[in-house]
N, C-alpha and C. Protein backbone atom coordinates (compact mmCIF):
# COMPACT_ATOMS: atom_id res chain seq x y z
N MET A 1 -19.16 -23.05 -6.97
CA MET A 1 -18.06 -22.51 -7.03
C MET A 1 -17.91 -20.99 -7.59
N THR A 2 -18.85 -20.82 -8.64
CA THR A 2 -18.76 -19.32 -8.91
C THR A 2 -19.27 -18.39 -7.61
N GLY A 3 -20.31 -18.93 -7.11
CA GLY A 3 -20.95 -18.07 -6.05
C GLY A 3 -20.01 -17.92 -4.90
N ASP A 4 -19.09 -18.84 -4.49
CA ASP A 4 -18.16 -18.77 -3.61
C ASP A 4 -17.08 -17.73 -4.04
N LEU A 5 -16.78 -17.74 -5.28
CA LEU A 5 -15.82 -16.72 -5.63
C LEU A 5 -16.41 -15.31 -5.51
N LEU A 6 -17.54 -15.10 -6.01
CA LEU A 6 -18.15 -13.83 -5.79
C LEU A 6 -18.49 -13.32 -4.53
N LEU A 7 -18.55 -14.13 -3.72
CA LEU A 7 -18.75 -14.10 -1.97
C LEU A 7 -17.35 -13.46 -1.63
N ARG A 8 -16.46 -14.22 -2.09
CA ARG A 8 -15.00 -13.92 -1.57
C ARG A 8 -14.61 -12.33 -1.93
N LEU A 9 -14.95 -12.13 -3.34
CA LEU A 9 -14.69 -11.10 -4.02
C LEU A 9 -15.43 -9.87 -3.25
N ARG A 10 -16.60 -10.24 -2.97
CA ARG A 10 -17.70 -9.01 -2.41
C ARG A 10 -17.16 -8.71 -0.91
N TYR A 11 -16.50 -9.81 -0.11
CA TYR A 11 -15.95 -9.58 1.23
C TYR A 11 -14.72 -8.83 1.21
N ASN A 12 -14.07 -9.21 0.24
CA ASN A 12 -12.58 -8.40 0.12
C ASN A 12 -12.50 -7.28 -0.88
N SER A 13 -13.60 -6.57 -1.11
CA SER A 13 -13.69 -5.58 -1.95
C SER A 13 -12.90 -4.34 -1.99
N GLY A 14 -12.79 -4.08 -0.44
CA GLY A 14 -12.06 -2.84 -0.01
C GLY A 14 -10.58 -3.05 -0.23
N PRO A 15 -9.85 -4.11 0.26
CA PRO A 15 -8.40 -4.47 -0.11
C PRO A 15 -8.27 -4.52 -1.59
N LEU A 16 -9.05 -5.06 -2.34
CA LEU A 16 -8.77 -5.34 -3.61
C LEU A 16 -8.70 -4.00 -4.37
N PHE A 17 -9.67 -3.10 -4.13
CA PHE A 17 -9.88 -1.73 -4.54
C PHE A 17 -8.60 -0.98 -4.08
N ALA A 18 -8.06 -1.13 -3.05
CA ALA A 18 -6.97 -0.33 -2.46
C ALA A 18 -5.65 -0.77 -3.33
N LEU A 19 -5.54 -2.17 -3.57
CA LEU A 19 -4.59 -2.74 -4.45
C LEU A 19 -4.58 -2.18 -5.90
N GLY A 20 -5.97 -2.25 -6.31
CA GLY A 20 -6.05 -1.65 -7.85
C GLY A 20 -5.58 -0.16 -7.94
N VAL A 21 -6.01 0.57 -6.86
CA VAL A 21 -5.62 2.02 -6.80
C VAL A 21 -3.92 2.23 -6.75
N PHE A 22 -3.50 1.37 -5.99
CA PHE A 22 -2.00 1.39 -5.87
C PHE A 22 -1.15 1.01 -7.16
N LEU A 23 -1.93 -0.06 -7.71
CA LEU A 23 -1.16 -0.42 -9.00
C LEU A 23 -1.32 0.57 -10.12
N ALA A 24 -2.44 1.13 -10.08
CA ALA A 24 -2.63 2.13 -11.03
C ALA A 24 -1.85 3.35 -11.01
N MET A 25 -1.63 3.86 -9.84
CA MET A 25 -0.86 5.02 -9.45
C MET A 25 0.64 4.70 -9.53
N PHE A 26 1.11 3.29 -9.46
CA PHE A 26 2.47 3.01 -9.39
C PHE A 26 2.79 2.88 -11.26
N ILE A 27 1.87 2.36 -11.94
CA ILE A 27 2.04 2.39 -13.36
C ILE A 27 2.10 3.95 -13.92
N VAL A 28 1.18 4.69 -13.50
CA VAL A 28 1.34 6.17 -13.85
C VAL A 28 2.56 6.83 -13.60
N PHE A 29 3.22 6.40 -12.35
CA PHE A 29 4.46 6.89 -11.78
C PHE A 29 5.50 6.32 -12.83
N LEU A 30 5.68 5.21 -13.30
CA LEU A 30 6.61 4.66 -13.97
C LEU A 30 6.34 5.23 -15.47
N ILE A 31 5.09 5.42 -15.96
CA ILE A 31 5.08 6.06 -17.12
C ILE A 31 5.57 7.42 -17.27
N LEU A 32 5.29 8.14 -16.23
CA LEU A 32 5.69 9.72 -16.03
C LEU A 32 7.13 9.85 -15.76
N HIS A 33 7.83 8.95 -15.18
CA HIS A 33 9.10 9.11 -14.71
C HIS A 33 9.98 9.14 -15.80
N PRO A 34 10.96 10.10 -15.76
CA PRO A 34 12.01 10.30 -17.08
C PRO A 34 12.72 9.00 -17.33
N LYS A 35 13.15 8.26 -16.44
CA LYS A 35 14.13 7.10 -16.75
C LYS A 35 13.10 5.87 -16.95
N GLY A 36 11.98 6.02 -16.95
CA GLY A 36 10.91 4.98 -17.22
C GLY A 36 11.36 3.66 -16.22
N LEU A 37 10.85 2.52 -16.60
CA LEU A 37 11.20 1.30 -15.72
C LEU A 37 12.63 0.83 -15.70
N SER A 38 13.27 1.08 -14.68
CA SER A 38 14.72 0.56 -14.66
C SER A 38 15.09 0.05 -13.22
N VAL A 39 16.15 -0.59 -13.07
CA VAL A 39 16.57 -1.15 -11.73
C VAL A 39 16.67 -0.08 -10.67
N TYR A 40 17.29 1.15 -11.22
CA TYR A 40 17.54 2.33 -10.43
C TYR A 40 16.22 2.88 -9.61
N VAL A 41 15.14 3.12 -10.65
CA VAL A 41 13.79 3.52 -10.23
C VAL A 41 13.08 2.48 -9.13
N MET A 42 13.26 1.21 -9.66
CA MET A 42 12.65 0.32 -8.68
C MET A 42 13.22 0.30 -7.22
N GLU A 43 14.57 0.46 -7.29
CA GLU A 43 15.34 0.42 -5.96
C GLU A 43 14.91 1.74 -5.06
N THR A 44 14.85 2.81 -5.76
CA THR A 44 14.54 4.05 -5.09
C THR A 44 13.25 4.07 -4.64
N ALA A 45 12.14 3.37 -5.34
CA ALA A 45 10.84 3.42 -4.92
C ALA A 45 10.66 2.19 -3.48
N ALA A 46 11.52 1.12 -3.85
CA ALA A 46 11.50 0.21 -2.68
C ALA A 46 12.13 0.88 -1.34
N ASN A 47 13.30 1.51 -1.53
CA ASN A 47 13.74 2.22 -0.41
C ASN A 47 12.99 3.22 0.31
N GLN A 48 12.16 3.89 -0.59
CA GLN A 48 11.35 5.07 0.17
C GLN A 48 10.20 4.27 0.82
N GLY A 49 9.60 3.15 0.23
CA GLY A 49 8.60 2.46 0.65
C GLY A 49 9.00 1.75 2.02
N PHE A 50 10.22 1.46 2.18
CA PHE A 50 10.63 0.67 3.38
C PHE A 50 10.53 1.61 4.56
N GLY A 51 11.02 2.87 4.45
CA GLY A 51 11.00 3.90 5.37
C GLY A 51 9.43 4.11 5.84
N LEU A 52 8.87 4.30 4.86
CA LEU A 52 7.09 4.50 5.13
C LEU A 52 6.49 3.23 5.86
N SER A 53 7.07 1.96 5.50
CA SER A 53 6.54 0.86 6.36
C SER A 53 6.96 0.74 7.75
N MET A 54 8.39 1.30 8.01
CA MET A 54 8.88 1.15 9.25
C MET A 54 8.05 2.16 10.31
N VAL A 55 7.79 3.31 9.84
CA VAL A 55 6.99 4.54 10.26
C VAL A 55 5.58 3.74 10.72
N ALA A 56 4.92 3.28 9.79
CA ALA A 56 3.65 2.70 10.02
C ALA A 56 3.68 1.63 11.10
N MET A 57 4.78 0.62 11.03
CA MET A 57 4.72 -0.35 11.87
C MET A 57 4.96 0.27 13.36
N ALA A 58 5.75 1.29 13.60
CA ALA A 58 6.06 2.02 14.97
C ALA A 58 4.69 2.51 15.43
N GLN A 59 4.04 3.14 14.52
CA GLN A 59 2.78 3.86 14.98
C GLN A 59 1.76 2.73 15.43
N THR A 60 1.81 1.49 14.75
CA THR A 60 0.92 0.34 15.10
C THR A 60 1.22 -0.19 16.44
N VAL A 61 2.46 -0.34 16.59
CA VAL A 61 3.14 -0.73 17.98
C VAL A 61 2.48 0.04 19.13
N ALA A 62 2.83 1.29 18.81
CA ALA A 62 2.53 2.28 19.89
C ALA A 62 0.97 2.23 20.21
N VAL A 63 0.21 2.18 19.18
CA VAL A 63 -1.28 2.24 19.46
C VAL A 63 -1.81 1.01 20.16
N LEU A 64 -1.14 -0.14 19.75
CA LEU A 64 -1.61 -1.50 20.39
C LEU A 64 -1.14 -1.73 21.55
N THR A 65 0.09 -1.33 22.08
CA THR A 65 0.66 -1.80 23.38
C THR A 65 0.36 -0.49 24.45
N ALA A 66 0.31 0.85 24.09
CA ALA A 66 -0.14 1.68 25.18
C ALA A 66 -1.61 2.35 24.88
N GLY A 67 -2.00 2.03 24.03
CA GLY A 67 -3.47 2.46 23.70
C GLY A 67 -3.46 4.01 23.38
N LEU A 68 -2.44 4.32 22.76
CA LEU A 68 -2.26 5.80 22.31
C LEU A 68 -3.11 6.05 21.38
N ASP A 69 -3.54 7.50 21.14
CA ASP A 69 -4.57 7.90 20.03
C ASP A 69 -3.71 8.87 19.26
N LEU A 70 -3.19 8.32 18.05
CA LEU A 70 -2.36 9.21 17.50
C LEU A 70 -3.28 10.02 16.23
N SER A 71 -4.59 10.35 16.40
CA SER A 71 -5.41 11.30 15.55
C SER A 71 -5.26 12.71 15.88
N VAL A 72 -5.52 13.25 14.93
CA VAL A 72 -5.42 14.84 15.01
C VAL A 72 -6.61 15.39 15.40
N GLY A 73 -6.78 16.36 16.49
CA GLY A 73 -8.00 16.90 16.74
C GLY A 73 -8.69 16.38 17.97
């Protein structure tokens, strides 16, 4: 059982690391924000994240359907 858990953690180390970095940055953002953790701050962060996710999905659809290369250079 423990070996299986370690194998899964090792296999998913990249996404887990990215999640940890995101959580750390979000906690620092909340600590440094003048209003702290409030409904307004969470709503603003969610609204900004939604716009970014829409752009990311649009780029993904463009790459998958037409084979476009969006890289620079």
